[in-house]
C-alpha cells in the first residue's frame, strides 16, 4: 500500500472515529459543586487516615427500608485546635427517594447506600450539624457509626461505595 493510500485510509478512519465519539455526546450535562467554609484551626482526620471504611457484608433479605443495617465505627480526630465551639458535618449525595436525606448514595437516583448515626445513636442527615466543642489541650475524638441502608424492601445484590466529606465547621 502506498503512503498516499495509507494517509487517506488513516484520515477516513480518524474522521469516522470522531463522528462516532461525537454521536454519544449530550447537548448538556449537570455537575454538582460542593464546598465548605469554616473558621476552625483544627486539623481533621477521619478513619485513622484510611481512605476506605468497610462496613461489612449483609444479606439482601435482612434489610428494612430506611433502616440502618450494621454499625461500624467511623472515628474522627481533631488536632491542633483552639478552644472552639462548632459542629461536624458529613457532606455527600443523598438518595432522592429519601426525603430525610439520611441515605448517602453515589448518585441521587440510587436506592442503596450508607446510613450514619451520631454518638447518641441518632441518624444523621446529609450536611446536618452534629455539635462538638473542642479544646486545645489534646486530641479531640468523636465517633460516628456507619451501616448500609436502602429505600427498597429488598436491595439489589452488589458492591457499593459512596464518597463523603467530613468537616468541622466553626463560625
Protein backbone atom coordinates (compact mmCIF):
# COMPACT_ATOMS: atom_id res chain seq x y z
CA UNK A 1 0.00 0.00 0.00
CA UNK A 2 1.39 3.39 -0.92
CA UNK A 3 1.96 6.17 1.57
CA UNK A 4 -0.77 8.23 -0.12
CA UNK A 5 -3.34 5.43 0.35
CA UNK A 6 -2.21 4.93 3.98
CA UNK A 7 -2.67 8.62 4.74
CA UNK A 8 -6.12 8.65 3.10
CA UNK A 9 -7.16 5.49 5.00
CA UNK A 10 -5.93 6.98 8.29
CA UNK A 11 -7.79 10.24 7.60
CA UNK A 12 -11.04 8.40 6.82
CA UNK A 13 -10.67 6.24 9.97
CA UNK A 14 -9.94 9.29 12.14
CA UNK A 15 -12.91 11.23 10.79
CA UNK A 16 -15.28 8.28 11.31
CA UNK A 17 -13.94 7.73 14.84
CA UNK A 18 -14.55 11.37 15.67
CA UNK A 19 -18.09 11.23 14.31
CA UNK A 20 -18.93 8.14 16.33
CA UNK A 21 -17.44 9.64 19.52
CA UNK A 22 -19.34 12.88 18.99
CA UNK A 23 -22.59 10.99 18.41
CA UNK A 24 -22.51 9.86 22.06
CA UNK A 25 -22.09 13.38 23.44
CA UNK A 26 -25.11 15.06 25.04
CA UNK A 27 -26.02 18.68 24.35
CA UNK A 28 -25.69 19.48 28.08
CA UNK A 29 -24.56 17.97 31.38
CA UNK A 30 -25.11 18.63 35.08
CA UNK A 31 -22.44 18.71 37.74
CA UNK A 32 -22.77 19.15 41.50
CA UNK A 33 -20.35 21.60 43.07
CA UNK A 34 -19.68 21.28 46.77
CA UNK A 35 -17.55 23.32 49.12
CA UNK A 36 -17.07 24.06 52.79
CA UNK A 37 -16.13 27.31 54.50
CA UNK A 38 -15.04 27.28 58.14
CA UNK A 39 -13.12 29.32 60.67
CA UNK A 40 -11.62 26.37 62.55
CA UNK A 41 -7.98 25.99 63.46
CA UNK A 42 -8.38 22.19 63.73
CA UNK A 43 -6.87 19.56 61.50
CA UNK A 44 -9.43 16.82 60.80
CA UNK A 45 -8.54 13.14 60.40
CA UNK A 46 -11.21 10.58 59.54
CA UNK A 47 -10.99 6.78 59.79
CA UNK A 48 -7.42 6.98 61.13
CA UNK A 49 -6.33 8.45 57.79
CA UNK A 50 -7.55 5.45 55.78
CA UNK A 51 -9.49 6.20 52.59
CA UNK A 52 -11.92 3.26 52.88
CA UNK A 53 -14.18 2.06 55.70
CA UNK A 54 -15.50 -1.47 55.13
CA UNK A 55 -18.91 -1.71 56.81
CA UNK A 56 -19.43 -5.41 56.21
CA UNK A 57 -21.41 -7.91 54.17
CA UNK A 58 -25.18 -8.24 54.60
CA UNK A 59 -27.92 -10.45 53.13
CA UNK A 60 -30.40 -8.59 50.93
CA UNK A 61 -33.26 -10.22 52.85
CA UNK A 62 -32.11 -8.67 56.16
CA UNK A 63 -32.88 -5.07 55.12
CA UNK A 64 -35.86 -2.98 56.14
CA UNK A 65 -36.40 0.20 54.08
CA UNK A 66 -34.91 3.37 55.62
CA UNK A 67 -33.31 1.44 58.50
CA UNK A 68 -29.57 1.21 59.09
CA UNK A 69 -28.18 -2.32 58.84
CA UNK A 70 -24.96 -2.78 60.82
CA UNK A 71 -22.82 -0.40 62.83
CA UNK A 72 -19.11 0.15 62.20
CA UNK A 73 -17.24 2.96 63.96
CA UNK A 74 -16.06 5.88 61.83
CA UNK A 75 -13.57 7.70 64.07
CA UNK A 76 -12.95 11.43 63.68
CA UNK A 77 -10.00 13.16 65.33
CA UNK A 78 -9.45 16.90 65.56
CA UNK A 79 -5.95 18.12 66.42
CA UNK A 80 -4.15 21.47 66.66
CA UNK A 81 -7.39 23.11 67.76
CA UNK A 82 -8.02 26.28 69.67
CA UNK A 83 -10.84 26.15 72.22
CA UNK A 84 -13.77 26.25 69.78
CA UNK A 85 -17.48 25.61 69.59
CA UNK A 86 -18.56 24.10 66.30
CA UNK A 87 -20.15 21.17 64.53
CA UNK A 88 -19.13 18.19 62.46
CA UNK A 89 -20.94 17.77 59.15
CA UNK A 90 -20.91 14.96 56.62
CA UNK A 91 -21.31 16.18 53.07
CA UNK A 92 -22.20 13.96 50.14
CA UNK A 93 -25.11 12.88 47.96
CA UNK A 94 -28.34 11.52 49.35
CA UNK A 95 -30.99 9.41 47.65
CA UNK A 96 -33.78 11.41 46.04
CA UNK A 97 -36.15 8.64 47.22
CA UNK A 98 -35.22 9.50 50.85
CA UNK A 99 -36.71 12.90 51.79
CA UNK A 100 -34.97 12.77 55.20
CA UNK A 101 -31.59 12.83 53.35
CA UNK A 102 -30.23 10.11 55.66
CA UNK A 103 -29.26 7.61 52.94
CA UNK A 104 -25.88 8.59 51.47
CA UNK A 105 -25.63 7.30 47.89
CA UNK A 106 -23.21 7.52 44.97
CA UNK A 107 -25.92 9.22 42.85
CA UNK A 108 -29.24 10.82 43.77
CA UNK A 109 -31.17 8.18 41.80
CA UNK A 110 -29.64 5.27 43.73
CA UNK A 111 -31.69 3.42 46.34
CA UNK A 112 -28.86 1.62 48.17
CA UNK A 113 -26.12 3.32 50.14
CA UNK A 114 -24.93 4.06 53.64
CA UNK A 115 -26.57 5.43 56.78
CA UNK A 116 -24.72 7.13 59.62
CA UNK A 117 -25.61 7.56 63.29
CA UNK A 118 -24.08 10.05 65.70
CA UNK A 119 -22.59 9.15 69.09
CA UNK A 120 -26.11 9.30 70.60
CA UNK A 121 -27.37 6.67 68.12
CA UNK A 122 -29.41 9.25 66.18
CA UNK A 123 -29.50 9.03 62.37
CA UNK A 124 -27.54 11.84 60.67
CA UNK A 125 -28.76 13.59 57.51
CA UNK A 126 -26.52 14.91 54.75
CA UNK A 127 -24.94 18.27 55.83
CA UNK A 128 -26.64 18.12 59.26
CA UNK A 129 -24.72 19.80 62.11
CA UNK A 130 -23.51 17.47 64.88
CA UNK A 131 -22.47 19.77 67.74
CA UNK A 132 -18.94 19.32 69.07
CA UNK A 133 -16.89 21.60 71.31
CA UNK A 134 -13.12 21.14 71.13
CA UNK A 135 -10.23 22.20 73.33
CA UNK A 136 -6.62 22.93 72.60
CA UNK A 137 -5.36 20.55 75.31
CA UNK A 138 -5.41 17.21 73.48
CA UNK A 139 -6.71 15.29 70.52
CA UNK A 140 -10.48 15.70 70.31
CA UNK A 141 -12.23 12.49 69.28
CA UNK A 142 -15.71 11.68 68.00
CA UNK A 143 -17.14 8.50 66.53
CA UNK A 144 -19.95 8.09 64.02
CA UNK A 145 -21.45 4.63 63.40
CA UNK A 146 -21.90 3.61 59.76
CA UNK A 147 -24.03 0.86 58.24
CA UNK A 148 -25.78 0.16 54.97
CA UNK A 149 -29.29 1.16 54.07
CA UNK A 150 -31.85 1.15 51.29
CA UNK A 151 -35.20 2.63 50.37
CA UNK A 152 -36.16 -0.71 48.76
CA UNK A 153 -37.77 -3.68 50.51
CA UNK A 154 -35.08 -5.95 49.04
CA UNK A 155 -31.97 -4.18 47.74
CA UNK A 156 -30.10 -5.43 44.69
CA UNK A 157 -27.07 -7.57 45.49
CA UNK A 158 -23.78 -5.89 44.65
CA UNK A 159 -20.82 -3.91 45.89
CA UNK A 160 -21.50 -0.30 46.89
CA UNK A 161 -19.29 2.69 47.70
CA UNK A 162 -20.09 6.32 48.42
CA UNK A 163 -17.71 9.29 48.74
CA UNK A 164 -18.36 11.65 51.66
CA UNK A 165 -16.54 14.61 53.20
CA UNK A 166 -16.35 15.08 56.97
CA UNK A 167 -15.61 18.63 58.11
CA UNK A 168 -15.56 20.64 61.32
CA UNK A 169 -17.43 23.92 60.98
CA UNK A 170 -16.78 26.91 63.24
CA UNK A 171 -18.46 30.26 62.62
